[in-house]
PDB file of N, CA and C in Angstrom:
ATOM      1  N   MET A   1       0.874  -1.117  -0.032  1.00  0.00           N
ATOM      2  CA  MET A   1       0.059  -0.043   0.027  1.00  0.00           C
ATOM      3  C   MET A   1       0.931   1.442  -0.011  1.00  0.00           C
ATOM      4  N   GLU A   2       0.501   2.161  -0.760  1.00  0.00           N
ATOM      5  CA  GLU A   2       1.183   3.485  -0.810  1.00  0.00           C
ATOM      6  C   GLU A   2       0.212   4.440  -0.427  1.00  0.00           C
ATOM      7  N   GLY A   3       0.577   5.593   0.398  1.00  0.00           N
ATOM      8  CA  GLY A   3      -0.166   6.798   0.622  1.00  0.00           C
ATOM      9  C   GLY A   3       0.734   7.802   1.206  1.00  0.00           C
ATOM     10  N   GLU A   4       0.149   8.755   1.750  1.00  0.00           N
ATOM     11  CA  GLU A   4       0.768  10.020   2.205  1.00  0.00           C
ATOM     12  C   GLU A   4       1.116   9.632   3.607  1.00  0.00           C
ATOM     13  N   SER A   5       2.330  10.070   3.959  1.00  0.00           N
ATOM     14  CA  SER A   5       2.872   9.940   5.230  1.00  0.00           C
ATOM     15  C   SER A   5       2.129  10.873   6.310  1.00  0.00           C
ATOM     16  N   LEU A   6       1.925  10.268   7.585  1.00  0.00           N
ATOM     17  CA  LEU A   6       1.172  11.089   8.543  1.00  0.00           C
ATOM     18  C   LEU A   6       2.006  12.206   9.040  1.00  0.00           C
ATOM     19  N   CYS A   7       3.245  12.181   8.757  1.00  0.00           N
ATOM     20  CA  CYS A   7       4.215  13.446   9.097  1.00  0.00           C
ATOM     21  C   CYS A   7       3.720  14.631   8.462  1.00  0.00           C
ATOM     22  N   ARG A   8       3.024  14.480   7.211  1.00  0.00           N
ATOM     23  CA  ARG A   8       2.686  15.810   6.527  1.00  0.00           C
ATOM     24  C   ARG A   8       1.682  16.742   7.235  1.00  0.00           C
ATOM     25  N   THR A   9       1.041  16.076   8.203  1.00  0.00           N
ATOM     26  CA  THR A   9      -0.027  16.980   9.041  1.00  0.00           C
ATOM     27  C   THR A   9       0.375  16.849  10.524  1.00  0.00           C
ATOM     28  N   CYS A  10       1.423  16.567  10.891  1.00  0.00           N
ATOM     29  CA  CYS A  10       1.836  16.536  12.230  1.00  0.00           C
ATOM     30  C   CYS A  10       2.534  17.643  12.738  1.00  0.00           C
ATOM     31  N   ARG A  11       2.200  18.061  13.874  1.00  0.00           N
ATOM     32  CA  ARG A  11       2.665  19.388  14.450  1.00  0.00           C
ATOM     33  C   ARG A  11       4.282  19.170  14.740  1.00  0.00           C
ATOM     34  N   TYR A  12       4.688  17.938  15.107  1.00  0.00           N
ATOM     35  CA  TYR A  12       5.954  17.798  15.488  1.00  0.00           C
ATOM     36  C   TYR A  12       6.887  17.567  14.297  1.00  0.00           C
ATOM     37  N   ALA A  13       6.518  17.425  12.906  1.00  0.00           N
ATOM     38  CA  ALA A  13       7.236  17.060  11.830  1.00  0.00           C
ATOM     39  C   ALA A  13       7.939  18.398  11.322  1.00  0.00           C
ATOM     40  N   HIS A  14       9.329  18.167  10.983  1.00  0.00           N
ATOM     41  CA  HIS A  14      10.040  19.271  10.319  1.00  0.00           C
ATOM     42  C   HIS A  14      10.460  18.665   9.004  1.00  0.00           C
ATOM     43  N   ILE A  15       9.839  19.261   7.768  1.00  0.00           N
ATOM     44  CA  ILE A  15       9.949  18.649   6.403  1.00  0.00           C
ATOM     45  C   ILE A  15      10.785  19.679   5.570  1.00  0.00           C
ATOM     46  N   GLN A  16      11.870  19.172   5.086  1.00  0.00           N
ATOM     47  CA  GLN A  16      12.674  19.962   4.146  1.00  0.00           C
ATOM     48  C   GLN A  16      12.505  19.299   2.675  1.00  0.00           C
ATOM     49  N   ARG A  17      12.253  20.151   1.719  1.00  0.00           N
ATOM     50  CA  ARG A  17      12.040  19.530   0.417  1.00  0.00           C
ATOM     51  C   ARG A  17      12.915  20.360  -0.578  1.00  0.00           C
ATOM     52  N   GLY A  18      13.411  19.628  -1.555  1.00  0.00           N
ATOM     53  CA  GLY A  18      14.165  20.157  -2.609  1.00  0.00           C
ATOM     54  C   GLY A  18      13.371  20.339  -3.753  1.00  0.00           C
ATOM     55  N   TYR A  19      14.126  20.581  -5.000  1.00  0.00           N
ATOM     56  CA  TYR A  19      13.318  20.719  -6.206  1.00  0.00           C
ATOM     57  C   TYR A  19      12.835  19.516  -6.834  1.00  0.00           C
ATOM     58  N   ARG A  20      13.520  18.492  -6.550  1.00  0.00           N
ATOM     59  CA  ARG A  20      13.030  17.168  -7.177  1.00  0.00           C
ATOM     60  C   ARG A  20      12.285  16.441  -6.009  1.00  0.00           C
ATOM     61  N   GLN A  21      11.499  15.449  -6.572  1.00  0.00           N
ATOM     62  CA  GLN A  21      10.610  14.834  -5.652  1.00  0.00           C
ATOM     63  C   GLN A  21      11.369  13.919  -4.687  1.00  0.00           C
ATOM     64  N   SER A  22      12.597  13.306  -5.226  1.00  0.00           N
ATOM     65  CA  SER A  22      13.355  12.601  -4.225  1.00  0.00           C
ATOM     66  C   SER A  22      14.065  13.266  -3.318  1.00  0.00           C
ATOM     67  N   GLU A  23      14.158  14.670  -3.349  1.00  0.00           N
ATOM     68  CA  GLU A  23      14.766  15.636  -2.530  1.00  0.00           C
ATOM     69  C   GLU A  23      13.912  15.875  -1.207  1.00  0.00           C
ATOM     70  N   GLU A  24      13.780  15.132  -0.244  1.00  0.00           N
ATOM     71  CA  GLU A  24      12.945  15.428   0.785  1.00  0.00           C
ATOM     72  C   GLU A  24      13.494  14.820   2.085  1.00  0.00           C
ATOM     73  N   MET A  25      13.600  15.543   3.086  1.00  0.00           N
ATOM     74  CA  MET A  25      13.996  14.882   4.371  1.00  0.00           C
ATOM     75  C   MET A  25      13.061  15.361   5.423  1.00  0.00           C
ATOM     76  N   VAL A  26      12.574  14.247   6.168  1.00  0.00           N
ATOM     77  CA  VAL A  26      11.592  14.462   7.172  1.00  0.00           C
ATOM     78  C   VAL A  26      12.210  14.212   8.713  1.00  0.00           C
ATOM     79  N   TYR A  27      12.001  15.174   9.536  1.00  0.00           N
ATOM     80  CA  TYR A  27      12.541  15.103  10.897  1.00  0.00           C
ATOM     81  C   TYR A  27      11.412  14.977  11.861  1.00  0.00           C
ATOM     82  N   CYS A  28      11.484  14.236  12.873  1.00  0.00           N
ATOM     83  CA  CYS A  28      10.416  14.213  13.885  1.00  0.00           C
ATOM     84  C   CYS A  28      11.055  14.990  15.202  1.00  0.00           C
ATOM     85  N   GLY A  29      10.322  15.920  15.731  1.00  0.00           N
ATOM     86  CA  GLY A  29      10.816  16.695  16.805  1.00  0.00           C
ATOM     87  C   GLY A  29       9.940  16.513  17.956  1.00  0.00           C
ATOM     88  N   TYR A  30       9.382  15.302  18.197  1.00  0.00           N
ATOM     89  CA  TYR A  30       8.578  15.113  19.431  1.00  0.00           C
ATOM     90  C   TYR A  30       9.358  15.098  20.488  1.00  0.00           C
ATOM     91  N   ASP A  31      10.534  14.362  20.604  1.00  0.00           N
ATOM     92  CA  ASP A  31      11.319  14.293  21.844  1.00  0.00           C
ATOM     93  C   ASP A  31      12.563  14.924  21.492  1.00  0.00           C
ATOM     94  N   THR A  32      13.235  14.389  20.660  1.00  0.00           N
ATOM     95  CA  THR A  32      14.608  15.141  20.117  1.00  0.00           C
ATOM     96  C   THR A  32      14.353  14.892  18.503  1.00  0.00           C
ATOM     97  N   MET A  33      15.264  15.840  17.843  1.00  0.00           N
ATOM     98  CA  MET A  33      15.199  15.810  16.315  1.00  0.00           C
ATOM     99  C   MET A  33      15.668  14.484  16.017  1.00  0.00           C
ATOM    100  N   ARG A  34      14.971  13.755  15.118  1.00  0.00           N
ATOM    101  CA  ARG A  34      15.596  12.385  14.656  1.00  0.00           C
ATOM    102  C   ARG A  34      14.907  12.340  13.189  1.00  0.00           C
ATOM    103  N   LEU A  35      15.750  11.786  12.329  1.00  0.00           N
ATOM    104  CA  LEU A  35      15.520  11.662  10.864  1.00  0.00           C
ATOM    105  C   LEU A  35      14.556  10.419  10.827  1.00  0.00           C
ATOM    106  N   VAL A  36      13.434  10.695  10.043  1.00  0.00           N
ATOM    107  CA  VAL A  36      12.407   9.767   9.796  1.00  0.00           C
ATOM    108  C   VAL A  36      12.850   9.222   8.110  1.00  0.00           C
ATOM    109  N   ARG A  37      13.112   7.900   8.219  1.00  0.00           N
ATOM    110  CA  ARG A  37      13.636   7.388   6.960  1.00  0.00           C
ATOM    111  C   ARG A  37      12.634   6.756   5.990  1.00  0.00           C
ATOM    112  N   PHE A  38      11.366   6.841   6.411  1.00  0.00           N
ATOM    113  CA  PHE A  38      10.297   6.008   5.649  1.00  0.00           C
ATOM    114  C   PHE A  38       9.003   6.766   5.866  1.00  0.00           C
ATOM    115  N   LYS A  39       8.039   6.633   5.093  1.00  0.00           N
ATOM    116  CA  LYS A  39       6.673   7.046   5.269  1.00  0.00           C
ATOM    117  C   LYS A  39       5.981   6.515   6.396  1.00  0.00           C
ATOM    118  N   ILE A  40       5.350   7.370   7.258  1.00  0.00           N
ATOM    119  CA  ILE A  40       4.795   6.802   8.365  1.00  0.00           C
ATOM    120  C   ILE A  40       3.139   6.647   8.470  1.00  0.00           C
ATOM    121  N   ALA A  41       2.808   5.457   8.560  1.00  0.00           N
ATOM    122  CA  ALA A  41       1.286   5.168   8.525  1.00  0.00           C
ATOM    123  C   ALA A  41       0.632   5.354   9.765  1.00  0.00           C
ATOM    124  N   GLU A  42       1.275   5.050  11.029  1.00  0.00           N
ATOM    125  CA  GLU A  42       0.700   5.140  12.225  1.00  0.00           C
ATOM    126  C   GLU A  42       1.913   5.750  13.280  1.00  0.00           C
ATOM    127  N   CYS A  43       1.499   6.572  14.241  1.00  0.00           N
ATOM    128  CA  CYS A  43       2.368   6.979  15.119  1.00  0.00           C
ATOM    129  C   CYS A  43       1.619   7.323  16.393  1.00  0.00           C
ATOM    130  N   THR A  44       2.191   7.040  17.627  1.00  0.00           N
ATOM    131  CA  THR A  44       1.660   7.223  18.883  1.00  0.00           C
ATOM    132  C   THR A  44       1.765   8.496  19.395  1.00  0.00           C
ATOM    133  N   ASP A  45       2.735   9.345  18.767  1.00  0.00           N
ATOM    134  CA  ASP A  45       2.873  10.691  19.296  1.00  0.00           C
ATOM    135  C   ASP A  45       2.216  11.762  18.254  1.00  0.00           C
ATOM    136  N   TYR A  46       1.487  11.251  17.327  1.00  0.00           N
ATOM    137  CA  TYR A  46       1.020  12.046  16.323  1.00  0.00           C
ATOM    138  C   TYR A  46      -0.070  13.158  16.936  1.00  0.00           C
ATOM    139  N   LEU A  47       0.118  14.508  16.418  1.00  0.00           N
ATOM    140  CA  LEU A  47      -0.649  15.610  16.848  1.00  0.00           C
ATOM    141  C   LEU A  47      -0.974  16.301  15.581  1.00  0.00           C
ATOM    142  N   ASP A  48      -2.260  16.312  15.121  1.00  0.00           N
ATOM    143  CA  ASP A  48      -2.729  16.819  13.963  1.00  0.00           C
ATOM    144  C   ASP A  48      -2.622  18.415  14.071  1.00  0.00           C
ATOM    145  N   LYS A  49      -1.929  18.975  12.988  1.00  0.00           N
ATOM    146  CA  LYS A  49      -1.836  20.391  13.025  1.00  0.00           C
ATOM    147  C   LYS A  49      -2.890  21.095  12.378  1.00  0.00           C
ATOM    148  N   THR A  50      -3.896  20.272  11.758  1.00  0.00           N
ATOM    149  CA  THR A  50      -5.042  21.015  11.097  1.00  0.00           C
ATOM    150  C   THR A  50      -6.067  21.195  12.189  1.00  0.00           C
ATOM    151  N   VAL A  51      -6.138  20.795  13.241  1.00  0.00           N
ATOM    152  CA  VAL A  51      -7.089  20.894  14.418  1.00  0.00           C
ATOM    153  C   VAL A  51      -6.389  21.814  15.382  1.00  0.00           C
ATOM    154  N   PRO A  52      -7.158  22.928  15.751  1.00  0.00           N
ATOM    155  CA  PRO A  52      -6.427  23.786  16.770  1.00  0.00           C
ATOM    156  C   PRO A  52      -6.439  23.238  18.081  1.00  0.00           C
ATOM    157  N   THR A  53      -5.376  23.459  18.924  1.00  0.00           N
ATOM    158  CA  THR A  53      -5.194  23.003  20.325  1.00  0.00           C
ATOM    159  C   THR A  53      -6.083  23.773  21.346  1.00  0.00           C
ATOM    160  N   ARG A  54      -6.146  23.387  22.497  1.00  0.00           N
ATOM    161  CA  ARG A  54      -7.001  24.055  23.453  1.00  0.00           C
ATOM    162  C   ARG A  54      -6.514  25.526  23.717  1.00  0.00           C
ATOM    163  N   TRP A  55      -5.271  25.626  23.823  1.00  0.00           N
ATOM    164  CA  TRP A  55      -4.610  26.838  23.942  1.00  0.00           C
ATOM    165  C   TRP A  55      -4.885  27.994  22.787  1.00  0.00           C
ATOM    166  N   GLU A  56      -4.885  27.394  21.610  1.00  0.00           N
ATOM    167  CA  GLU A  56      -5.147  28.173  20.318  1.00  0.00           C
ATOM    168  C   GLU A  56      -6.788  28.555  20.483  1.00  0.00           C
ATOM    169  N   MET A  57      -7.668  27.620  20.837  1.00  0.00           N
ATOM    170  CA  MET A  57      -8.902  28.005  20.862  1.00  0.00           C
ATOM    171  C   MET A  57      -9.252  28.997  21.951  1.00  0.00           C
ATOM    172  N   ASP A  58      -8.389  29.014  23.172  1.00  0.00           N
ATOM    173  CA  ASP A  58      -8.607  30.018  24.123  1.00  0.00           C
ATOM    174  C   ASP A  58      -8.156  31.438  23.627  1.00  0.00           C
ATOM    175  N   GLN A  59      -7.138  31.501  22.769  1.00  0.00           N
ATOM    176  CA  GLN A  59      -6.626  32.601  22.295  1.00  0.00           C
ATOM    177  C   GLN A  59      -7.677  33.269  21.102  1.00  0.00           C
ATOM    178  N   MET A  60      -8.260  32.485  20.429  1.00  0.00           N
ATOM    179  CA  MET A  60      -9.284  32.863  19.551  1.00  0.00           C
ATOM    180  C   MET A  60     -10.629  33.271  20.099  1.00  0.00           C
ATOM    181  N   ALA A  61     -10.875  32.781  21.274  1.00  0.00           N
ATOM    182  CA  ALA A  61     -12.345  33.066  21.879  1.00  0.00           C
ATOM    183  C   ALA A  61     -12.431  34.590  22.284  1.00  0.00           C
ATOM    184  N   HIS A  62     -13.505  35.007  22.203  1.00  0.00           N
ATOM    185  CA  HIS A  62     -13.995  36.371  22.568  1.00  0.00           C
ATOM    186  C   HIS A  62     -14.656  36.246  23.919  1.00  0.00           C
ATOM    187  N   LEU A  63     -14.159  36.856  24.893  1.00  0.00           N
ATOM    188  CA  LEU A  63     -14.719  36.936  26.188  1.00  0.00           C
ATOM    189  C   LEU A  63     -15.856  38.015  26.336  1.00  0.00           C
ATOM    190  N   ILE A  64     -16.985  37.707  26.742  1.00  0.00           N
ATOM    191  CA  ILE A  64     -18.198  38.604  26.770  1.00  0.00           C
ATOM    192  C   ILE A  64     -18.514  38.844  28.191  1.00  0.00           C
ATOM    193  N   ASN A  65     -18.383  39.924  28.719  1.00  0.00           N
ATOM    194  CA  ASN A  65     -18.775  40.300  30.239  1.00  0.00           C
ATOM    195  C   ASN A  65     -20.197  40.719  30.120  1.00  0.00           C
ATOM    196  N   VAL A  66     -21.176  40.086  30.850  1.00  0.00           N
ATOM    197  CA  VAL A  66     -22.415  40.510  30.872  1.00  0.00           C
ATOM    198  C   VAL A  66     -22.876  40.547  32.386  1.00  0.00           C
ATOM    199  N   GLU A  67     -23.455  41.646  32.643  1.00  0.00           N
ATOM    200  CA  GLU A  67     -23.838  41.850  34.068  1.00  0.00           C
ATOM    201  C   GLU A  67     -25.054  40.944  34.373  1.00  0.00           C
ATOM    202  N   PRO A  68     -25.101  40.196  35.486  1.00  0.00           N
ATOM    203  CA  PRO A  68     -26.289  39.384  35.697  1.00  0.00           C
ATOM    204  C   PRO A  68     -27.501  40.147  35.995  1.00  0.00           C
ATOM    205  N   THR A  69     -28.716  39.580  35.550  1.00  0.00           N
ATOM    206  CA  THR A  69     -29.973  40.307  35.500  1.00  0.00           C
ATOM    207  C   THR A  69     -30.791  39.642  36.500  1.00  0.00           C
ATOM    208  N   ARG A  70     -30.412  38.392  36.979  1.00  0.00           N
ATOM    209  CA  ARG A  70     -31.345  37.860  37.934  1.00  0.00           C
ATOM    210  C   ARG A  70     -31.080  38.227  39.336  1.00  0.00           C
ATOM    211  N   LYS A  71     -32.217  38.236  40.144  1.00  0.00           N
ATOM    212  CA  LYS A  71     -32.054  38.640  41.621  1.00  0.00           C
ATOM    213  C   LYS A  71     -31.396  37.659  42.280  1.00  0.00           C
ATOM    214  N   PRO A  72     -30.669  37.991  43.374  1.00  0.00           N
ATOM    215  CA  PRO A  72     -30.172  36.836  44.127  1.00  0.00           C
ATOM    216  C   PRO A  72     -31.111  35.992  44.635  1.00  0.00           C
ATOM    217  N   SER A  73     -30.675  34.663  44.792  1.00  0.00           N
ATOM    218  CA  SER A  73     -31.660  33.703  45.301  1.00  0.00           C
ATOM    219  C   SER A  73     -31.630  33.623  46.642  1.00  0.00           C
ATOM    220  N   GLY A  74     -32.745  33.174  47.419  1.00  0.00           N
ATOM    221  CA  GLY A  74     -32.912  32.948  48.890  1.00  0.00           C
ATOM    222  C   GLY A  74     -34.096  33.543  49.347  1.00  0.00           C
ATOM    223  N   PHE A  75     -34.166  33.473  50.697  1.00  0.00           N
ATOM    224  CA  PHE A  75     -35.522  33.794  51.319  1.00  0.00           C
ATOM    225  C   PHE A  75     -35.470  35.343  51.688  1.00  0.00           C
ATOM    226  N   VAL A  76     -36.532  35.891  51.661  1.00  0.00           N
ATOM    227  CA  VAL A  76     -36.754  37.197  52.113  1.00  0.00           C
ATOM    228  C   VAL A  76     -36.982  37.310  53.601  1.00  0.00           C
ATOM    229  N   ASN A  77     -36.580  38.360  54.282  1.00  0.00           N
ATOM    230  CA  ASN A  77     -36.862  38.304  55.658  1.00  0.00           C
ATOM    231  C   ASN A  77     -38.267  38.642  55.941  1.00  0.00           C
ATOM    232  N   ALA A  78     -38.809  38.555  57.302  1.00  0.00           N
ATOM    233  CA  ALA A  78     -40.081  38.738  57.535  1.00  0.00           C
ATOM    234  C   ALA A  78     -40.487  40.154  57.386  1.00  0.00           C
ATOM    235  N   VAL A  79     -39.700  41.142  57.583  1.00  0.00           N
ATOM    236  CA  VAL A  79     -40.112  42.496  57.423  1.00  0.00           C
ATOM    237  C   VAL A  79     -40.422  42.913  56.013  1.00  0.00           C
ATOM    238  N   GLY A  80     -39.720  42.380  55.076  1.00  0.00           N
ATOM    239  CA  GLY A  80     -40.018  42.633  53.823  1.00  0.00           C
ATOM    240  C   GLY A  80     -41.176  41.914  53.206  1.00  0.00           C
ATOM    241  N   PHE A  81     -41.431  40.726  53.943  1.00  0.00           N
ATOM    242  CA  PHE A  81     -42.707  39.974  53.496  1.00  0.00           C
ATOM    243  C   PHE A  81     -43.823  40.715  53.916  1.00  0.00           C
ATOM    244  N   VAL A  82     -43.938  41.294  55.054  1.00  0.00           N
ATOM    245  CA  VAL A  82     -44.978  41.784  55.737  1.00  0.00           C
ATOM    246  C   VAL A  82     -45.342  43.099  55.128  1.00  0.00           C
ATOM    247  N   ALA A  83     -44.165  43.722  54.725  1.00  0.00           N
ATOM    248  CA  ALA A  83     -44.508  45.177  54.033  1.00  0.00           C
ATOM    249  C   ALA A  83     -45.123  44.924  52.688  1.00  0.00           C
ATOM    250  N   GLY A  84     -44.944  43.629  52.050  1.00  0.00           N
ATOM    251  CA  GLY A  84     -45.574  43.423  50.715  1.00  0.00           C
ATOM    252  C   GLY A  84     -46.889  42.776  50.761  1.00  0.00           C
ATOM    253  N   LEU A  85     -47.547  42.634  51.833  1.00  0.00           N
ATOM    254  CA  LEU A  85     -48.928  42.294  52.019  1.00  0.00           C
ATOM    255  C   LEU A  85     -49.966  43.140  51.561  1.00  0.00           C
ATOM    256  N   PRO A  86     -50.941  42.922  50.869  1.00  0.00           N
ATOM    257  CA  PRO A  86     -51.940  43.786  50.294  1.00  0.00           C
ATOM    258  C   PRO A  86     -52.714  44.432  51.476  1.00  0.00           C
ATOM    259  N   GLN A  87     -53.023  45.681  51.506  1.00  0.00           N
ATOM    260  CA  GLN A  87     -53.885  46.477  52.561  1.00  0.00           C
ATOM    261  C   GLN A  87     -55.332  45.852  52.661  1.00  0.00           C
ATOM    262  N   ALA A  88     -55.776  45.917  53.761  1.00  0.00           N
ATOM    263  CA  ALA A  88     -57.179  45.397  53.916  1.00  0.00           C
ATOM    264  C   ALA A  88     -58.149  46.385  53.421  1.00  0.00           C
ATOM    265  N   THR A  89     -59.411  46.149  53.096  1.00  0.00           N
ATOM    266  CA  THR A  89     -60.239  47.190  52.815  1.00  0.00           C
ATOM    267  C   THR A  89     -61.597  46.738  53.664  1.00  0.00           C
ATOM    268  N   ASP A  90     -62.758  47.512  53.490  1.00  0.00           N
ATOM    269  CA  ASP A  90     -63.961  47.245  54.090  1.00  0.00           C
ATOM    270  C   ASP A  90     -63.890  47.320  55.597  1.00  0.00           C
ATOM    271  N   GLY A  91     -63.073  48.333  56.104  1.00  0.00           N
ATOM    272  CA  GLY A  91     -63.002  48.718  57.545  1.00  0.00           C
ATOM    273  C   GLY A  91     -62.129  47.745  58.310  1.00  0.00           C
ATOM    274  N   ASP A  92     -61.787  46.569  57.692  1.00  0.00           N
ATOM    275  CA  ASP A  92     -60.802  45.685  58.494  1.00  0.00           C
ATOM    276  C   ASP A  92     -59.426  45.998  58.130  1.00  0.00           C
ATOM    277  N   ASP A  93     -58.638  46.594  59.228  1.00  0.00           N
ATOM    278  CA  ASP A  93     -57.239  46.912  58.801  1.00  0.00           C
ATOM    279  C   ASP A  93     -56.310  45.742  58.635  1.00  0.00           C
ATOM    280  N   GLY A  94     -56.717  44.465  59.170  1.00  0.00           N
ATOM    281  CA  GLY A  94     -55.863  43.208  58.910  1.00  0.00           C
ATOM    282  C   GLY A  94     -54.680  43.270  59.798  1.00  0.00           C
ATOM    283  N   ASP A  95     -54.768  44.007  60.984  1.00  0.00           N
ATOM    284  CA  ASP A  95     -53.613  44.032  61.883  1.00  0.00           C
ATOM    285  C   ASP A  95     -53.380  42.661  62.545  1.00  0.00           C
ATOM    286  N   GLU A  96     -54.535  42.001  62.895  1.00  0.00           N
ATOM    287  CA  GLU A  96     -54.361  40.772  63.392  1.00  0.00           C
ATOM    288  C   GLU A  96     -53.548  39.684  62.489  1.00  0.00           C
ATOM    289  N   GLU A  97     -53.739  39.677  61.171  1.00  0.00           N
ATOM    290  CA  GLU A  97     -53.174  38.790  60.255  1.00  0.00           C
ATOM    291  C   GLU A  97     -51.479  39.199  60.287  1.00  0.00           C
ATOM    292  N   ILE A  98     -51.334  40.431  60.091  1.00  0.00           N
ATOM    293  CA  ILE A  98     -50.002  40.865  60.018  1.00  0.00           C
ATOM    294  C   ILE A  98     -49.203  40.548  61.362  1.00  0.00           C
ATOM    295  N   ASP A  99     -49.784  40.916  62.519  1.00  0.00           N
ATOM    296  CA  ASP A  99     -49.105  40.424  63.761  1.00  0.00           C
ATOM    297  C   ASP A  99     -48.820  38.920  63.761  1.00  0.00           C
ATOM    298  N   SER A 100     -49.825  38.093  63.368  1.00  0.00           N
ATOM    299  CA  SER A 100     -49.485  36.595  63.457  1.00  0.00           C
ATOM    300  C   SER A 100     -48.359  36.167  62.349  1.00  0.00           C
ATOM    301  N   ILE A 101     -48.280  36.724  61.330  1.00  0.00           N
ATOM    302  CA  ILE A 101     -47.247  36.573  60.483  1.00  0.00           C
ATOM    303  C   ILE A 101     -45.725  36.978  61.000  1.00  0.00           C
ATOM    304  N   ALA A 102     -45.849  38.158  61.477  1.00  0.00           N
ATOM    305  CA  ALA A 102     -44.615  38.697  62.036  1.00  0.00           C
ATOM    306  C   ALA A 102     -44.061  37.806  63.292  1.00  0.00           C
ATOM    307  N   GLU A 103     -44.853  37.300  64.034  1.00  0.00           N
ATOM    308  CA  GLU A 103     -44.417  36.515  65.096  1.00  0.00           C
ATOM    309  C   GLU A 103     -43.912  35.298  64.733  1.00  0.00           C
TER     310      GLU A 103
END
């Protein structure tokens, strides 16, 4: 089987080409620079240079600062709750009901 070397799209590859097709040197720079003498079909240290890394994605990202619009969660205190009750009509001031809630 004949195909393209995996080194063509690897981030660790250093490829030098001459003017002729036979003039090509491929070096792998994963750990130390070493000459690759044949086309590579599989590699355990392959890192595709056509896919951005996490760091590159972070550099491209736009940070959007948005002020929170929600109210803080939690319980309201009794004073705020009592003040929010509707006022009684028909001569009943509703003081007994408010006093029982406040206690």
